[in-house]
Amino acid sequence: MRYLIKRLPEFPDPTCVALNMGFNPDGNPIGDGTYTGGGQGQDARPWVHEIARTHRVLTWDFSLTEGENAVIPHWRFDRLFQRRREERAGAPYSGGICFTMTPRLNQLSVYVAAQSFIQPDSDPDTVAGDFLAEVFGPDGRELVPLLPFFEVIRDWGNYHEINIPRHEYHAKMRQMVDLLESFAGKERDTYPIFPSPAAWRLELLFFANLFADLSAPAPDYDALHERYWQHVYAIYDHLPEHVDPRPQQATAAIINHFRNLEQPVDAGPIPGKWQ
């Protein structure tokens, strides 16, 4: 960071610097700003203040909206809005970016992330509900208490605690399936959803059906593994053996979560570049 500060005068306007609030994977400010590589000295806010004297500083927290190859519908909005408020209170940020590696699937994350910069004091459930109502009609708001149940996979950035019996979880997923099926033909073009609101509904429906089947009393885990793989990662079957094992690990983590749902096994997070 000292080297960056030294060289910053060589970068003219409109150069921006992307720097999260903390020097750790989750961007959490810890310690006094002197990076030690451990649990202390990971507060980046003093550096943000220093850089902001001459250049705009943006945030880019990855795990507020995305995990590490766990391709599922994400719902991390409480933490997302909390981080926006922390940034406003603690450092002179000028906006930022949010990431998704699945834009066709996580359309809601893209919208809510943008709104978190515009209206950080809003209730994220209300913001999400407004979007869902515009896309699927007023009943779209009924998805708000259900979509967070996708965040059961232990993954980077997932701060959710979902602890309900397997049969109750299955019932939640079946309720979501019924809702999404009821929206067929009612989708609206209020927002520029790619490729269409109807296609997005089908993506959500695929995952709702998958998680419902995974949480059923006697799943065929091998068949469900193949269903997920073919929908998400089938391209890897047409490539040479890949140097990145995370797609296989992420798929196994999803399946194994449900294998162990009655007797949880703490296997740790999906290995990523931060581990």
C-alpha atoms as a PDB file:
ATOM      1  CA  MET A   1       0.000   0.000   0.000  1.00  0.00           C
ATOM      2  CA  ARG A   2       2.833   2.403   0.733  1.00  0.00           C
ATOM      3  CA  TYR A   3       4.224   1.784  -2.735  1.00  0.00           C
ATOM      4  CA  LEU A   4       0.790   2.466  -4.239  1.00  0.00           C
ATOM      5  CA  ILE A   5       0.477   5.739  -2.323  1.00  0.00           C
ATOM      6  CA  LYS A   6       3.933   6.743  -3.530  1.00  0.00           C
ATOM      7  CA  ARG A   7       3.102   6.103  -7.185  1.00  0.00           C
ATOM      8  CA  LEU A   8      -0.443   7.497  -7.183  1.00  0.00           C
ATOM      9  CA  PRO A   9       0.586  10.997  -8.365  1.00  0.00           C
ATOM     10  CA  GLU A  10       1.670   9.380 -11.631  1.00  0.00           C
ATOM     11  CA  PHE A  11      -1.930   8.291 -12.349  1.00  0.00           C
ATOM     12  CA  PRO A  12      -4.019  11.126 -13.788  1.00  0.00           C
ATOM     13  CA  ASP A  13      -7.746  11.693 -13.515  1.00  0.00           C
ATOM     14  CA  PRO A  14     -10.056   9.834 -13.907  1.00  0.00           C
ATOM     15  CA  THR A  15      -8.006   7.010 -12.356  1.00  0.00           C
ATOM     16  CA  CYS A  16      -9.896   5.175  -9.590  1.00  0.00           C
ATOM     17  CA  VAL A  17      -8.597   2.796  -6.939  1.00  0.00           C
ATOM     18  CA  ALA A  18     -10.618  -0.272  -5.944  1.00  0.00           C
ATOM     19  CA  LEU A  19     -10.082  -1.083  -2.275  1.00  0.00           C
ATOM     20  CA  ASN A  20     -12.379  -2.913   0.117  1.00  0.00           C
ATOM     21  CA  MET A  21     -12.703  -1.991   3.786  1.00  0.00           C
ATOM     22  CA  GLY A  22     -10.601  -4.930   4.921  1.00  0.00           C
ATOM     23  CA  PHE A  23      -7.540  -6.842   3.736  1.00  0.00           C
ATOM     24  CA  ASN A  24      -9.198 -10.266   3.930  1.00  0.00           C
ATOM     25  CA  PRO A  25     -11.523 -12.314   1.726  1.00  0.00           C
ATOM     26  CA  ASP A  26     -14.719 -10.951   3.279  1.00  0.00           C
ATOM     27  CA  GLY A  27     -13.520  -7.339   3.284  1.00  0.00           C
ATOM     28  CA  ASN A  28     -14.033  -7.010   7.046  1.00  0.00           C
ATOM     29  CA  PRO A  29     -12.020  -4.208   8.703  1.00  0.00           C
ATOM     30  CA  ILE A  30      -9.956  -5.711  11.533  1.00  0.00           C
ATOM     31  CA  GLY A  31      -7.109  -4.119  13.470  1.00  0.00           C
ATOM     32  CA  ASP A  32      -5.313  -0.859  12.793  1.00  0.00           C
ATOM     33  CA  GLY A  33      -4.542  -0.857   9.063  1.00  0.00           C
ATOM     34  CA  THR A  34      -1.095  -2.470   9.284  1.00  0.00           C
ATOM     35  CA  TYR A  35      -1.407  -5.691   7.315  1.00  0.00           C
ATOM     36  CA  THR A  36       0.213  -8.625   9.078  1.00  0.00           C
ATOM     37  CA  GLY A  37      -1.360 -11.526   7.215  1.00  0.00           C
ATOM     38  CA  GLY A  38      -3.093 -12.769  10.330  1.00  0.00           C
ATOM     39  CA  GLY A  39      -6.183 -11.751  12.230  1.00  0.00           C
ATOM     40  CA  GLN A  40      -5.011  -8.221  13.004  1.00  0.00           C
ATOM     41  CA  GLY A  41      -4.023  -5.203  10.963  1.00  0.00           C
ATOM     42  CA  GLN A  42      -6.574  -5.727   8.197  1.00  0.00           C
ATOM     43  CA  ASP A  43      -8.490  -2.448   8.391  1.00  0.00           C
ATOM     44  CA  ALA A  44      -8.169  -0.728   5.015  1.00  0.00           C
ATOM     45  CA  ARG A  45     -10.096   2.406   5.947  1.00  0.00           C
ATOM     46  CA  PRO A  46      -7.015   4.508   6.828  1.00  0.00           C
ATOM     47  CA  TRP A  47      -5.657   3.742   3.365  1.00  0.00           C
ATOM     48  CA  VAL A  48      -8.986   4.646   1.746  1.00  0.00           C
ATOM     49  CA  HIS A  49      -8.868   8.055   3.433  1.00  0.00           C
ATOM     50  CA  GLU A  50      -5.310   8.578   2.251  1.00  0.00           C
ATOM     51  CA  ILE A  51      -6.034   7.613  -1.353  1.00  0.00           C
ATOM     52  CA  ALA A  52      -9.250   9.649  -1.465  1.00  0.00           C
ATOM     53  CA  ARG A  53      -7.237  12.851  -1.085  1.00  0.00           C
ATOM     54  CA  THR A  54      -6.236  12.562  -4.732  1.00  0.00           C
ATOM     55  CA  HIS A  55      -8.271   9.786  -6.371  1.00  0.00           C
ATOM     56  CA  ARG A  56     -11.740   8.279  -6.224  1.00  0.00           C
ATOM     57  CA  VAL A  57     -11.963   5.035  -4.240  1.00  0.00           C
ATOM     58  CA  LEU A  58     -14.419   2.293  -5.161  1.00  0.00           C
ATOM     59  CA  THR A  59     -15.452  -0.897  -3.386  1.00  0.00           C
ATOM     60  CA  TRP A  60     -15.639  -4.304  -5.065  1.00  0.00           C
ATOM     61  CA  ASP A  61     -16.541  -6.824  -2.323  1.00  0.00           C
ATOM     62  CA  PHE A  62     -16.921 -10.150  -4.110  1.00  0.00           C
ATOM     63  CA  SER A  63     -18.612 -12.246  -1.458  1.00  0.00           C
ATOM     64  CA  LEU A  64     -21.443  -9.815  -0.781  1.00  0.00           C
ATOM     65  CA  THR A  65     -23.215 -11.187  -3.850  1.00  0.00           C
ATOM     66  CA  GLU A  66     -21.340 -14.324  -4.954  1.00  0.00           C
ATOM     67  CA  GLY A  67     -19.629 -17.438  -3.633  1.00  0.00           C
ATOM     68  CA  GLU A  68     -16.785 -19.611  -4.866  1.00  0.00           C
ATOM     69  CA  ASN A  69     -18.195 -21.624  -7.772  1.00  0.00           C
ATOM     70  CA  ALA A  70     -21.375 -22.503  -5.866  1.00  0.00           C
ATOM     71  CA  VAL A  71     -23.770 -21.788  -8.735  1.00  0.00           C
ATOM     72  CA  ILE A  72     -27.107 -21.279  -7.010  1.00  0.00           C
ATOM     73  CA  PRO A  73     -29.576 -18.386  -6.644  1.00  0.00           C
ATOM     74  CA  HIS A  74     -27.906 -16.165  -4.049  1.00  0.00           C
ATOM     75  CA  TRP A  75     -29.533 -14.090  -1.310  1.00  0.00           C
ATOM     76  CA  ARG A  76     -26.917 -12.140   0.672  1.00  0.00           C
ATOM     77  CA  PHE A  77     -28.724  -8.862   0.854  1.00  0.00           C
ATOM     78  CA  ASP A  78     -28.711  -8.139   4.599  1.00  0.00           C
ATOM     79  CA  ARG A  79     -24.924  -8.207   4.638  1.00  0.00           C
ATOM     80  CA  LEU A  80     -24.781  -6.303   1.345  1.00  0.00           C
ATOM     81  CA  PHE A  81     -26.777  -3.337   2.684  1.00  0.00           C
ATOM     82  CA  GLN A  82     -24.985  -3.459   6.014  1.00  0.00           C
ATOM     83  CA  ARG A  83     -21.658  -3.137   4.196  1.00  0.00           C
ATOM     84  CA  ARG A  84     -22.911  -0.142   2.203  1.00  0.00           C
ATOM     85  CA  ARG A  85     -23.792   1.616   5.442  1.00  0.00           C
ATOM     86  CA  GLU A  86     -20.434   0.714   6.978  1.00  0.00           C
ATOM     87  CA  GLU A  87     -18.636   2.120   3.946  1.00  0.00           C
ATOM     88  CA  ARG A  88     -20.602   5.359   4.134  1.00  0.00           C
ATOM     89  CA  ALA A  89     -19.837   5.742   7.829  1.00  0.00           C
ATOM     90  CA  GLY A  90     -16.185   4.740   7.794  1.00  0.00           C
ATOM     91  CA  ALA A  91     -14.533   5.782   4.548  1.00  0.00           C
ATOM     92  CA  PRO A  92     -14.919   8.209   1.608  1.00  0.00           C
ATOM     93  CA  TYR A  93     -16.079   5.766  -1.048  1.00  0.00           C
ATOM     94  CA  SER A  94     -17.390   6.972  -4.395  1.00  0.00           C
ATOM     95  CA  GLY A  95     -19.405   3.888  -5.289  1.00  0.00           C
ATOM     96  CA  GLY A  96     -18.181   0.542  -6.512  1.00  0.00           C
ATOM     97  CA  ILE A  97     -19.030  -2.671  -8.290  1.00  0.00           C
ATOM     98  CA  CYS A  98     -20.664  -5.966  -7.334  1.00  0.00           C
ATOM     99  CA  PHE A  99     -19.874  -9.300  -8.905  1.00  0.00           C
ATOM    100  CA  THR A 100     -21.771 -12.293 -10.164  1.00  0.00           C
ATOM    101  CA  MET A 101     -20.420 -15.113 -12.287  1.00  0.00           C
ATOM    102  CA  THR A 102     -24.004 -16.147 -13.091  1.00  0.00           C
ATOM    103  CA  PRO A 103     -25.794 -13.084 -14.510  1.00  0.00           C
ATOM    104  CA  ARG A 104     -28.474 -15.179 -16.208  1.00  0.00           C
ATOM    105  CA  LEU A 105     -29.374 -16.757 -12.868  1.00  0.00           C
ATOM    106  CA  ASN A 106     -28.712 -14.035 -10.286  1.00  0.00           C
ATOM    107  CA  GLN A 107     -30.672 -11.202 -11.872  1.00  0.00           C
ATOM    108  CA  LEU A 108     -32.069 -10.254  -8.475  1.00  0.00           C
ATOM    109  CA  SER A 109     -28.579  -9.862  -6.993  1.00  0.00           C
ATOM    110  CA  VAL A 110     -27.603  -7.501  -9.799  1.00  0.00           C
ATOM    111  CA  TYR A 111     -30.617  -5.269  -9.147  1.00  0.00           C
ATOM    112  CA  VAL A 112     -30.402  -5.293  -5.358  1.00  0.00           C
ATOM    113  CA  ALA A 113     -26.648  -4.615  -5.462  1.00  0.00           C
ATOM    114  CA  ALA A 114     -27.256  -1.494  -7.562  1.00  0.00           C
ATOM    115  CA  GLN A 115     -29.961  -0.342  -5.171  1.00  0.00           C
ATOM    116  CA  SER A 116     -27.635  -0.847  -2.192  1.00  0.00           C
ATOM    117  CA  PHE A 117     -25.481   2.013  -3.531  1.00  0.00           C
ATOM    118  CA  ILE A 118     -28.471   4.227  -4.332  1.00  0.00           C
ATOM    119  CA  GLN A 119     -30.504   3.659  -1.162  1.00  0.00           C
ATOM    120  CA  PRO A 120     -28.303   1.969   1.474  1.00  0.00           C
ATOM    121  CA  ASP A 121     -30.775   2.676   4.296  1.00  0.00           C
ATOM    122  CA  SER A 122     -33.585   0.736   2.633  1.00  0.00           C
ATOM    123  CA  ASP A 123     -34.782  -2.640   3.837  1.00  0.00           C
ATOM    124  CA  PRO A 124     -33.259  -5.224   1.456  1.00  0.00           C
ATOM    125  CA  ASP A 125     -36.305  -7.498   1.666  1.00  0.00           C
ATOM    126  CA  THR A 126     -38.505  -4.599   0.537  1.00  0.00           C
ATOM    127  CA  VAL A 127     -36.159  -3.748  -2.332  1.00  0.00           C
ATOM    128  CA  ALA A 128     -36.089  -7.379  -3.463  1.00  0.00           C
ATOM    129  CA  GLY A 129     -39.846  -7.689  -3.065  1.00  0.00           C
ATOM    130  CA  ASP A 130     -40.438  -4.622  -5.219  1.00  0.00           C
ATOM    131  CA  PHE A 131     -38.334  -6.155  -7.985  1.00  0.00           C
ATOM    132  CA  LEU A 132     -40.075  -9.529  -7.778  1.00  0.00           C
ATOM    133  CA  ALA A 133     -43.499  -7.862  -7.832  1.00  0.00           C
ATOM    134  CA  GLU A 134     -42.569  -5.927 -10.966  1.00  0.00           C
ATOM    135  CA  VAL A 135     -41.360  -9.065 -12.727  1.00  0.00           C
ATOM    136  CA  PHE A 136     -43.970 -11.625 -11.608  1.00  0.00           C
ATOM    137  CA  GLY A 137     -46.871  -9.488 -10.406  1.00  0.00           C
ATOM    138  CA  PRO A 138     -47.902  -8.711  -6.803  1.00  0.00           C
ATOM    139  CA  ASP A 139     -47.620 -12.367  -5.738  1.00  0.00           C
ATOM    140  CA  GLY A 140     -43.913 -12.211  -6.572  1.00  0.00           C
ATOM    141  CA  ARG A 141     -43.356 -10.785  -3.091  1.00  0.00           C
ATOM    142  CA  GLU A 142     -44.199 -14.209  -1.695  1.00  0.00           C
ATOM    143  CA  LEU A 143     -40.764 -15.382  -2.884  1.00  0.00           C
ATOM    144  CA  VAL A 144     -38.987 -13.063  -0.429  1.00  0.00           C
ATOM    145  CA  PRO A 145     -39.133 -15.404   2.603  1.00  0.00           C
ATOM    146  CA  LEU A 146     -38.365 -18.448   0.437  1.00  0.00           C
ATOM    147  CA  LEU A 147     -35.399 -17.505  -1.753  1.00  0.00           C
ATOM    148  CA  PRO A 148     -32.967 -17.190   1.219  1.00  0.00           C
ATOM    149  CA  PHE A 149     -33.296 -20.943   1.743  1.00  0.00           C
ATOM    150  CA  PHE A 150     -31.031 -21.494  -1.253  1.00  0.00           C
ATOM    151  CA  GLU A 151     -28.138 -20.216   0.896  1.00  0.00           C
ATOM    152  CA  VAL A 152     -27.686 -23.515   2.763  1.00  0.00           C
ATOM    153  CA  ILE A 153     -24.343 -24.349   1.145  1.00  0.00           C
ATOM    154  CA  ARG A 154     -21.323 -23.490   3.240  1.00  0.00           C
ATOM    155  CA  ASP A 155     -19.440 -21.201   0.919  1.00  0.00           C
ATOM    156  CA  TRP A 156     -17.281 -18.105   0.951  1.00  0.00           C
ATOM    157  CA  GLY A 157     -19.315 -15.073   2.020  1.00  0.00           C
ATOM    158  CA  ASN A 158     -22.358 -17.051   3.173  1.00  0.00           C
ATOM    159  CA  TYR A 159     -23.260 -15.717   6.623  1.00  0.00           C
ATOM    160  CA  HIS A 160     -26.712 -17.305   6.681  1.00  0.00           C
ATOM    161  CA  GLU A 161     -27.677 -19.731   9.423  1.00  0.00           C
ATOM    162  CA  ILE A 162     -30.448 -22.031   8.186  1.00  0.00           C
ATOM    163  CA  ASN A 163     -31.223 -24.722  10.723  1.00  0.00           C
ATOM    164  CA  ILE A 164     -34.574 -26.380  10.127  1.00  0.00           C
ATOM    165  CA  PRO A 165     -35.512 -30.063   9.841  1.00  0.00           C
ATOM    166  CA  ARG A 166     -35.117 -31.671   6.461  1.00  0.00           C
ATOM    167  CA  HIS A 167     -38.866 -32.162   5.952  1.00  0.00           C
ATOM    168  CA  GLU A 168     -39.525 -28.473   6.678  1.00  0.00           C
ATOM    169  CA  TYR A 169     -36.833 -27.436   4.234  1.00  0.00           C
ATOM    170  CA  HIS A 170     -38.355 -29.716   1.599  1.00  0.00           C
ATOM    171  CA  ALA A 171     -41.761 -28.107   2.184  1.00  0.00           C
ATOM    172  CA  LYS A 172     -40.263 -24.630   1.661  1.00  0.00           C
ATOM    173  CA  MET A 173     -38.778 -25.709  -1.659  1.00  0.00           C
ATOM    174  CA  ARG A 174     -42.022 -27.310  -2.793  1.00  0.00           C
ATOM    175  CA  GLN A 175     -43.822 -24.071  -1.914  1.00  0.00           C
ATOM    176  CA  MET A 176     -41.331 -22.173  -4.073  1.00  0.00           C
ATOM    177  CA  VAL A 177     -41.831 -24.601  -6.960  1.00  0.00           C
ATOM    178  CA  ASP A 178     -45.598 -24.086  -6.816  1.00  0.00           C
ATOM    179  CA  LEU A 179     -45.207 -20.306  -6.737  1.00  0.00           C
ATOM    180  CA  LEU A 180     -42.800 -20.179  -9.661  1.00  0.00           C
ATOM    181  CA  GLU A 181     -45.030 -22.471 -11.700  1.00  0.00           C
ATOM    182  CA  SER A 182     -47.999 -20.199 -10.965  1.00  0.00           C
ATOM    183  CA  PHE A 183     -46.124 -17.255 -12.487  1.00  0.00           C
ATOM    184  CA  ALA A 184     -45.864 -18.896 -15.913  1.00  0.00           C
ATOM    185  CA  GLY A 185     -47.161 -16.517 -18.553  1.00  0.00           C
ATOM    186  CA  LYS A 186     -47.436 -13.647 -16.061  1.00  0.00           C
ATOM    187  CA  GLU A 187     -43.864 -12.376 -16.415  1.00  0.00           C
ATOM    188  CA  ARG A 188     -43.464  -8.673 -17.147  1.00  0.00           C
ATOM    189  CA  ASP A 189     -40.826  -6.825 -19.164  1.00  0.00           C
ATOM    190  CA  THR A 190     -40.444  -4.024 -16.608  1.00  0.00           C
ATOM    191  CA  TYR A 191     -36.695  -4.549 -16.344  1.00  0.00           C
ATOM    192  CA  PRO A 192     -34.161  -5.509 -19.040  1.00  0.00           C
ATOM    193  CA  ILE A 193     -33.684  -9.085 -17.846  1.00  0.00           C
ATOM    194  CA  PHE A 194     -31.502 -11.244 -20.090  1.00  0.00           C
ATOM    195  CA  PRO A 195     -32.592 -13.137 -22.056  1.00  0.00           C
ATOM    196  CA  SER A 196     -36.135 -12.643 -20.713  1.00  0.00           C
ATOM    197  CA  PRO A 197     -38.138 -12.667 -17.469  1.00  0.00           C
ATOM    198  CA  ALA A 198     -39.633 -15.998 -18.516  1.00  0.00           C
ATOM    199  CA  ALA A 199     -36.159 -17.534 -18.923  1.00  0.00           C
ATOM    200  CA  TRP A 200     -35.156 -16.236 -15.489  1.00  0.00           C
ATOM    201  CA  ARG A 201     -38.254 -17.823 -13.951  1.00  0.00           C
ATOM    202  CA  LEU A 202     -37.272 -21.148 -15.493  1.00  0.00           C
ATOM    203  CA  GLU A 203     -33.753 -20.848 -14.043  1.00  0.00           C
ATOM    204  CA  LEU A 204     -35.176 -20.265 -10.566  1.00  0.00           C
ATOM    205  CA  LEU A 205     -37.607 -23.138 -11.101  1.00  0.00           C
ATOM    206  CA  PHE A 206     -34.789 -25.510 -12.052  1.00  0.00           C
ATOM    207  CA  PHE A 207     -33.005 -24.833  -8.777  1.00  0.00           C
ATOM    208  CA  ALA A 208     -36.182 -24.934  -6.689  1.00  0.00           C
ATOM    209  CA  ASN A 209     -37.014 -28.363  -8.139  1.00  0.00           C
ATOM    210  CA  LEU A 210     -33.423 -29.527  -7.658  1.00  0.00           C
ATOM    211  CA  PHE A 211     -33.291 -28.493  -3.996  1.00  0.00           C
ATOM    212  CA  ALA A 212     -36.755 -29.936  -3.400  1.00  0.00           C
ATOM    213  CA  ASP A 213     -35.613 -33.271  -4.802  1.00  0.00           C
ATOM    214  CA  LEU A 214     -32.338 -33.139  -2.862  1.00  0.00           C
ATOM    215  CA  SER A 215     -34.239 -32.637   0.397  1.00  0.00           C
ATOM    216  CA  ALA A 216     -36.862 -35.311  -0.327  1.00  0.00           C
ATOM    217  CA  PRO A 217     -36.980 -38.422   1.891  1.00  0.00           C
ATOM    218  CA  ALA A 218     -35.030 -40.744  -0.434  1.00  0.00           C
ATOM    219  CA  PRO A 219     -33.127 -38.829  -3.135  1.00  0.00           C
ATOM    220  CA  ASP A 220     -31.144 -40.422  -5.938  1.00  0.00           C
ATOM    221  CA  TYR A 221     -28.039 -38.376  -5.239  1.00  0.00           C
ATOM    222  CA  ASP A 222     -26.099 -39.675  -8.237  1.00  0.00           C
ATOM    223  CA  ALA A 223     -28.879 -38.683 -10.619  1.00  0.00           C
ATOM    224  CA  LEU A 224     -29.244 -35.270  -8.985  1.00  0.00           C
ATOM    225  CA  HIS A 225     -25.478 -34.736  -9.168  1.00  0.00           C
ATOM    226  CA  GLU A 226     -25.679 -35.409 -12.898  1.00  0.00           C
ATOM    227  CA  ARG A 227     -28.712 -33.122 -13.310  1.00  0.00           C
ATOM    228  CA  TYR A 228     -26.916 -30.224 -11.653  1.00  0.00           C
ATOM    229  CA  TRP A 229     -23.645 -30.873 -13.489  1.00  0.00           C
ATOM    230  CA  GLN A 230     -25.308 -31.003 -16.897  1.00  0.00           C
ATOM    231  CA  HIS A 231     -27.193 -27.768 -16.257  1.00  0.00           C
ATOM    232  CA  VAL A 232     -24.280 -25.801 -14.814  1.00  0.00           C
ATOM    233  CA  TYR A 233     -20.908 -27.302 -15.723  1.00  0.00           C
ATOM    234  CA  ALA A 234     -21.500 -29.563 -18.728  1.00  0.00           C
ATOM    235  CA  ILE A 235     -18.954 -27.593 -20.759  1.00  0.00           C
ATOM    236  CA  TYR A 236     -16.212 -29.185 -18.646  1.00  0.00           C
ATOM    237  CA  ASP A 237     -17.058 -32.538 -20.231  1.00  0.00           C
ATOM    238  CA  HIS A 238     -15.809 -31.148 -23.551  1.00  0.00           C
ATOM    239  CA  LEU A 239     -12.539 -29.736 -22.233  1.00  0.00           C
ATOM    240  CA  PRO A 240      -9.242 -31.377 -21.325  1.00  0.00           C
ATOM    241  CA  GLU A 241      -8.826 -32.065 -17.633  1.00  0.00           C
ATOM    242  CA  HIS A 242      -8.997 -28.632 -16.141  1.00  0.00           C
ATOM    243  CA  VAL A 243      -6.474 -27.115 -13.755  1.00  0.00           C
ATOM    244  CA  ASP A 244      -9.276 -25.729 -11.589  1.00  0.00           C
ATOM    245  CA  PRO A 245     -10.967 -28.439  -9.489  1.00  0.00           C
ATOM    246  CA  ARG A 246     -13.504 -26.070  -7.929  1.00  0.00           C
ATOM    247  CA  PRO A 247     -16.471 -26.941 -10.193  1.00  0.00           C
ATOM    248  CA  GLN A 248     -16.220 -30.581  -9.121  1.00  0.00           C
ATOM    249  CA  GLN A 249     -15.751 -29.560  -5.495  1.00  0.00           C
ATOM    250  CA  ALA A 250     -18.654 -27.129  -5.599  1.00  0.00           C
ATOM    251  CA  THR A 251     -20.983 -29.721  -7.108  1.00  0.00           C
ATOM    252  CA  ALA A 252     -19.951 -32.303  -4.532  1.00  0.00           C
ATOM    253  CA  ALA A 253     -20.463 -29.765  -1.723  1.00  0.00           C
ATOM    254  CA  ILE A 254     -24.067 -29.170  -2.774  1.00  0.00           C
ATOM    255  CA  ILE A 255     -24.880 -32.868  -3.003  1.00  0.00           C
ATOM    256  CA  ASN A 256     -23.047 -33.745   0.193  1.00  0.00           C
ATOM    257  CA  HIS A 257     -24.820 -31.033   2.138  1.00  0.00           C
ATOM    258  CA  PHE A 258     -28.080 -32.871   1.616  1.00  0.00           C
ATOM    259  CA  ARG A 259     -26.518 -36.272   2.203  1.00  0.00           C
ATOM    260  CA  ASN A 260     -25.497 -35.013   5.638  1.00  0.00           C
ATOM    261  CA  LEU A 261     -28.539 -32.848   6.359  1.00  0.00           C
ATOM    262  CA  GLU A 262     -29.758 -35.004   9.238  1.00  0.00           C
ATOM    263  CA  GLN A 263     -26.251 -35.454  10.648  1.00  0.00           C
ATOM    264  CA  PRO A 264     -24.288 -32.353   9.612  1.00  0.00           C
ATOM    265  CA  VAL A 265     -20.607 -32.753   8.872  1.00  0.00           C
ATOM    266  CA  ASP A 266     -18.459 -29.616   9.062  1.00  0.00           C
ATOM    267  CA  ALA A 267     -16.284 -30.103   5.993  1.00  0.00           C
ATOM    268  CA  GLY A 268     -15.182 -26.471   5.784  1.00  0.00           C
ATOM    269  CA  PRO A 269     -15.707 -24.019   2.949  1.00  0.00           C
ATOM    270  CA  ILE A 270     -15.237 -24.846  -0.691  1.00  0.00           C
ATOM    271  CA  PRO A 271     -11.523 -24.275  -1.376  1.00  0.00           C
ATOM    272  CA  GLY A 272     -10.926 -21.131  -3.379  1.00  0.00           C
ATOM    273  CA  LYS A 273      -8.130 -18.770  -4.142  1.00  0.00           C
ATOM    274  CA  TRP A 274      -8.215 -17.389  -0.609  1.00  0.00           C
ATOM    275  CA  GLN A 275      -7.613 -20.750   1.075  1.00  0.00           C
END
